[in-house]
Each structure stands twice: as C-alpha cells, then as structure tokens.
Amino acid sequence: MNMMEDYIMSKAFIDYNKLYRIVEILKKEYNSPNYNNKEKMIDEIIYIILSKRTNHKMNNLTYDNLKDNFNDWYDLLNANISDVYSIVKIGGLGKEKSKNILKTINKIYLDYGTFEIDKFFRNKPKEEVIEYLIELPGIGMKSALCIMLYSLKLSVQPADIHIIRIFNRLGFINVKKNSHQKAQKVINNICSNLDYNINYSIHVNFKAHGETKCKSNNPLCNKCKVNKLCNFYNEL
C-alpha cells in the first residue's frame, strides 16, 4: 500500500466515537490551555517563525521584545537585519529568524500592500492558503496549519510530536517515529471534516497531555484518564 492509499484508508476505518470521547475527557482535564498564539494572521506568522527550536517562555519573550522595539510591522520594512538580530537572538537561531522575518514581511507587503491580510485568506480554499504560506521563509507545513487553525479559524490539525505520539498510542494511526511528515498528513486527513472546535480542542489538549502525562519516555499511564481507551496501555 503506498502513502496515498494509507492516507485515505486511515480515515475510512477511524473510530470517531472513541476519538470524540477522548476529546471530551482531555478537554475537561486540561481546559484548552492558551499557548499564546495570535489572532491576527501576520502576528501569528511572526510568532511561528520565532518559535523554531525554542520553548514557549523564550518564544513569548522574544516576540514581545520585537513588538516593543518596533511600533508596528510596517517599521520592519525598512529595518536592518542587524537590528532585528540583536532583538531575536536570545531565542536562538537569530540570524536565520531575523532573515526569515524580514523576507516574509517584505513579501507579504509586496503581494498585498498591507498586513491586514486575514480578509484575503479566510474564504480561500485550504489548499491555496497552504500553498501561499509554505512559500514564506521559515514556514513549513505544520507551521502553515498552525496559522490556519489559530488565526484563520480553519478546521485543520497541525499535528506536533505530542499529537502524533498520542494518536499512535491510542490506535488511531500506526506510523513509525521516523515518518513524522507522513503522520502529519494522515492525522490532518483524519481530522479534516471535524468541527473547528473539536480540532482546536485536539490540538491544545492533546499537546498538554503529551507534555505532562503521555510523554515519549516513562509515560504516566496509571494517572492517565483515557488509559482504558488506549491501545498502548491495554497492551502493557
């Protein structure tokens, strides 16, 4: 079976009733935590670029420092890369991030003449939104889906390592650890027809569960409230 066949078949055989039960249980446990993602599309794009290989706390600090040093994103159009680098370097990969931010800012302004871009993307087909976003420096597929979920309120699932791990352990997918990109495609396909609120709940609450209990090493299975629904736990 090739990747596309696996991609389609996984959706056909998913137990959505089980998924909905788990979503409700984890939503009650974690109360949909706020990861400080941004409502405006341009803000989220910059926030996502800064998030590469850094933790939540440092990402928030770097983003806030950037906002404090520039009145608005229009000021970045004429900024020197050295000025941006001096601000964002504390979050790591400063040269790469400062270059990507300036290239992205200039491309978006050249294409749309404004940074109030949400209105241009909200009603576009998802495929067109993804196509544009992944052309931006520093934005990959998962980042594009995050922007779509958080800022455009589109029903997509940007599966990170925690969500992939949990979907695997619960038995919704069977994707090897080294097939991260494939797992993202499979999970996004599984979730493609779900209500936006369910996809949002999966993203933030499964992420919280992966960070606190369903860890990669030494998962706290005995403290997990969905362990009776978990293939991994029931096979121990």
Protein backbone atom coordinates (compact mmCIF):
# COMPACT_ATOMS: atom_id res chain seq x y z
CA MET A 1 0.00 0.00 0.00
CA ASN A 2 1.50 3.37 -0.98
CA MET A 3 1.40 6.52 1.15
CA MET A 4 -1.69 7.99 -0.53
CA GLU A 5 -3.66 4.75 -0.10
CA ASP A 6 -2.65 4.60 3.57
CA TYR A 7 -3.65 8.27 3.90
CA ILE A 8 -7.16 7.59 2.57
CA MET A 9 -7.73 4.23 4.26
CA SER A 10 -6.87 5.53 7.74
CA LYS A 11 -9.85 7.88 7.63
CA ALA A 12 -12.25 5.19 6.49
CA PHE A 13 -11.56 2.96 9.48
CA ILE A 14 -11.17 5.51 12.25
CA ASP A 15 -13.34 5.08 15.35
CA TYR A 16 -14.67 8.62 15.61
CA ASN A 17 -16.89 7.84 18.61
CA LYS A 18 -13.79 6.83 20.55
CA LEU A 19 -11.99 9.98 19.39
CA TYR A 20 -14.89 12.23 20.49
CA ARG A 21 -14.94 10.58 23.95
CA ILE A 22 -11.21 11.16 24.39
CA VAL A 23 -11.51 14.77 23.19
CA GLU A 24 -14.16 15.49 25.84
CA ILE A 25 -12.21 13.81 28.64
CA LEU A 26 -8.97 15.66 27.88
CA LYS A 27 -10.80 18.96 27.40
CA LYS A 28 -12.21 18.66 30.91
CA GLU A 29 -8.80 17.76 32.30
CA TYR A 30 -6.73 20.49 30.63
CA ASN A 31 -9.37 23.15 29.92
CA SER A 32 -7.92 24.05 26.50
CA PRO A 33 -4.71 25.84 27.61
CA ASN A 34 -3.63 29.05 25.91
CA TYR A 35 -0.24 28.72 24.20
CA ASN A 36 -0.22 32.44 23.41
CA ASN A 37 -0.77 32.02 19.70
CA LYS A 38 -2.05 35.11 17.93
CA GLU A 39 -5.44 36.02 16.50
CA LYS A 40 -4.12 38.21 13.67
CA MET A 41 -2.54 36.28 10.83
CA ILE A 42 0.56 38.47 10.46
CA ASP A 43 1.21 38.28 14.21
CA GLU A 44 0.94 34.50 14.19
CA ILE A 45 3.27 34.23 11.19
CA ILE A 46 5.98 36.19 13.02
CA TYR A 47 5.31 34.28 16.26
CA ILE A 48 5.64 30.96 14.44
CA ILE A 49 8.90 31.96 12.75
CA LEU A 50 10.32 32.87 16.17
CA SER A 51 9.14 29.59 17.73
CA LYS A 52 11.62 27.35 15.90
CA ARG A 53 13.71 25.32 18.37
CA THR A 54 12.82 27.35 21.43
CA ASN A 55 10.46 26.93 24.37
CA HIS A 56 7.17 28.73 24.99
CA LYS A 57 8.60 31.13 27.56
CA MET A 58 11.53 32.25 25.43
CA ASN A 59 9.37 32.49 22.31
CA ASN A 60 6.92 34.77 24.10
CA LEU A 61 9.77 36.93 25.42
CA THR A 62 11.39 37.27 22.01
CA TYR A 63 8.09 38.12 20.32
CA ASP A 64 7.22 40.73 22.96
CA ASN A 65 10.68 42.29 22.66
CA LEU A 66 10.29 42.55 18.90
CA LYS A 67 6.88 44.22 19.27
CA ASP A 68 8.27 46.63 21.88
CA ASN A 69 11.12 47.73 19.64
CA PHE A 70 9.02 48.37 16.54
CA ASN A 71 5.81 50.42 16.60
CA ASP A 72 4.22 48.07 14.08
CA TRP A 73 5.25 45.58 11.41
CA TYR A 74 5.45 48.36 8.82
CA ASP A 75 8.59 49.60 10.57
CA LEU A 76 10.26 46.31 9.73
CA LEU A 77 10.05 47.12 6.02
CA ASN A 78 12.99 49.49 6.43
CA ALA A 79 14.74 47.71 9.30
CA ASN A 80 18.32 46.49 9.16
CA ILE A 81 18.83 42.80 9.71
CA SER A 82 21.36 43.60 12.45
CA ASP A 83 18.69 45.49 14.41
CA VAL A 84 16.28 42.56 14.21
CA TYR A 85 19.03 40.07 15.03
CA SER A 86 20.01 41.94 18.19
CA ILE A 87 16.43 41.52 19.46
CA VAL A 88 15.61 37.94 18.44
CA LYS A 89 19.00 36.28 19.04
CA ILE A 90 18.07 35.39 22.63
CA GLY A 91 15.60 32.81 21.29
CA GLY A 92 18.29 31.01 19.28
CA LEU A 93 18.87 30.80 15.52
CA GLY A 94 18.91 34.61 15.49
CA LYS A 95 20.47 35.06 12.06
CA GLU A 96 18.07 32.64 10.41
CA LYS A 97 15.00 34.03 12.14
CA SER A 98 15.83 37.70 11.54
CA LYS A 99 16.44 36.99 7.85
CA ASN A 100 13.20 35.00 7.53
CA ILE A 101 11.16 37.68 9.29
CA LEU A 102 12.38 40.46 7.02
CA LYS A 103 11.93 38.40 3.85
CA THR A 104 8.42 37.40 4.95
CA ILE A 105 7.40 40.93 5.88
CA ASN A 106 8.58 42.29 2.54
CA LYS A 107 6.96 39.50 0.51
CA ILE A 108 3.57 39.91 2.19
CA TYR A 109 3.65 43.69 1.76
CA LEU A 110 4.70 43.35 -1.88
CA ASP A 111 1.88 40.86 -2.54
CA TYR A 112 -0.92 42.61 -0.61
CA GLY A 113 0.19 46.16 0.19
CA THR A 114 -0.97 45.73 3.78
CA PHE A 115 -0.52 43.50 6.80
CA GLU A 116 -4.28 43.28 7.37
CA ILE A 117 -4.27 40.08 5.36
CA ASP A 118 -6.76 37.89 7.22
CA LYS A 119 -9.59 39.01 4.93
CA PHE A 120 -7.73 37.78 1.86
CA PHE A 121 -7.25 34.25 3.21
CA ARG A 122 -10.25 33.43 5.37
CA ASN A 123 -12.50 32.37 2.49
CA LYS A 124 -9.87 30.85 0.24
CA PRO A 125 -9.71 27.07 -0.26
CA LYS A 126 -7.41 25.49 2.30
CA GLU A 127 -5.07 24.24 -0.40
CA GLU A 128 -4.47 27.78 -1.68
CA VAL A 129 -3.79 29.09 1.82
CA ILE A 130 -1.26 26.31 2.46
CA GLU A 131 0.39 26.89 -0.91
CA TYR A 132 0.99 30.56 -0.13
CA LEU A 133 2.10 30.07 3.48
CA ILE A 134 4.70 27.38 2.80
CA GLU A 135 6.36 29.74 0.31
CA LEU A 136 7.15 32.11 3.18
CA PRO A 137 10.67 31.73 4.64
CA GLY A 138 10.59 29.75 7.89
CA ILE A 139 7.06 28.40 7.37
CA GLY A 140 6.65 24.66 6.79
CA MET A 141 3.52 22.56 6.57
CA LYS A 142 2.91 22.26 10.32
CA SER A 143 3.51 26.00 10.78
CA ALA A 144 1.09 26.78 7.98
CA LEU A 145 -1.58 24.63 9.61
CA CYS A 146 -1.00 26.38 12.97
CA ILE A 147 -1.56 29.76 11.34
CA MET A 148 -4.73 28.45 9.71
CA LEU A 149 -6.04 26.97 12.97
CA TYR A 150 -5.24 29.83 15.34
CA SER A 151 -5.64 32.93 13.17
CA LEU A 152 -7.98 31.98 10.34
CA LYS A 153 -10.10 29.62 12.46
CA LEU A 154 -9.95 26.96 9.75
CA SER A 155 -10.59 23.36 10.73
CA VAL A 156 -7.17 21.77 10.26
CA GLN A 157 -4.92 19.74 12.54
CA PRO A 158 -1.26 20.80 12.84
CA ALA A 159 -0.03 17.62 14.49
CA ASP A 160 3.13 18.08 16.54
CA ILE A 161 5.25 15.33 18.10
CA HIS A 162 2.89 15.03 21.10
CA ILE A 163 -0.26 14.67 19.00
CA ILE A 164 1.41 12.14 16.71
CA ARG A 165 2.57 10.11 19.72
CA ILE A 166 -0.91 10.13 21.28
CA PHE A 167 -2.70 9.20 18.03
CA ASN A 168 -0.25 6.32 17.67
CA ARG A 169 -0.72 5.08 21.23
CA LEU A 170 -4.50 5.38 21.12
CA GLY A 171 -4.51 3.24 17.97
CA PHE A 172 -5.83 5.82 15.52
CA ILE A 173 -2.70 5.61 13.37
CA ASN A 174 0.26 3.29 13.06
CA VAL A 175 3.13 5.44 11.85
CA LYS A 176 6.77 4.88 12.75
CA LYS A 177 8.70 7.53 14.65
CA ASN A 178 10.86 8.43 11.66
CA SER A 179 7.79 9.11 9.47
CA HIS A 180 6.82 12.42 11.05
CA GLN A 181 5.72 14.10 7.82
CA LYS A 182 3.57 11.14 6.82
CA ALA A 183 1.95 11.07 10.28
CA GLN A 184 1.05 14.76 10.00
CA LYS A 185 -0.70 14.12 6.67
CA VAL A 186 -2.58 11.11 7.99
CA ILE A 187 -3.77 12.93 11.14
CA ASN A 188 -4.78 16.04 9.24
CA ASN A 189 -6.79 13.86 6.87
CA ILE A 190 -8.48 12.07 9.78
CA CYS A 191 -9.44 15.44 11.27
CA SER A 192 -10.27 17.25 8.02
CA ASN A 193 -14.05 17.02 8.38
CA LEU A 194 -14.23 17.64 12.11
CA ASP A 195 -15.83 20.75 13.54
CA TYR A 196 -13.32 23.56 14.15
CA ASN A 197 -13.87 23.48 17.92
CA ILE A 198 -13.05 19.78 18.03
CA ASN A 199 -9.86 20.26 16.02
CA TYR A 200 -8.84 23.13 18.27
CA SER A 201 -9.54 21.02 21.36
CA ILE A 202 -7.49 18.13 19.98
CA HIS A 203 -4.57 20.39 19.21
CA VAL A 204 -4.24 22.18 22.55
CA ASN A 205 -5.42 19.44 24.93
CA PHE A 206 -3.59 16.52 23.30
CA LYS A 207 -0.47 18.71 23.29
CA ALA A 208 -0.91 19.39 27.02
CA HIS A 209 -1.46 15.68 27.65
CA GLY A 210 1.70 14.80 25.75
CA GLU A 211 3.75 17.32 27.71
CA THR A 212 2.50 16.23 31.13
CA LYS A 213 1.44 12.56 31.08
CA CYS A 214 1.71 10.83 27.69
CA LYS A 215 5.44 11.51 27.47
CA SER A 216 7.79 9.92 25.00
CA ASN A 217 9.73 8.20 27.78
CA ASN A 218 8.18 6.94 31.01
CA PRO A 219 4.57 7.92 30.27
CA LEU A 220 2.36 8.25 33.36
CA CYS A 221 -0.17 5.70 32.16
CA ASN A 222 -1.59 4.95 35.62
CA LYS A 223 -2.51 8.63 36.02
CA CYS A 224 -4.00 8.95 32.54
CA LYS A 225 -7.77 9.48 32.38
CA VAL A 226 -8.07 7.90 28.94
CA ASN A 227 -5.94 4.80 29.61
CA LYS A 228 -8.92 2.44 29.29
CA LEU A 229 -9.33 3.67 25.72
CA CYS A 230 -5.63 3.44 24.93
CA ASN A 231 -4.16 0.57 22.90
CA PHE A 232 -0.68 1.25 24.26
CA TYR A 233 -1.82 0.95 27.90
CA ASN A 234 -4.02 -2.10 27.29
CA GLU A 235 -1.11 -3.93 25.63
CA LEU A 236 1.32 -3.33 28.53
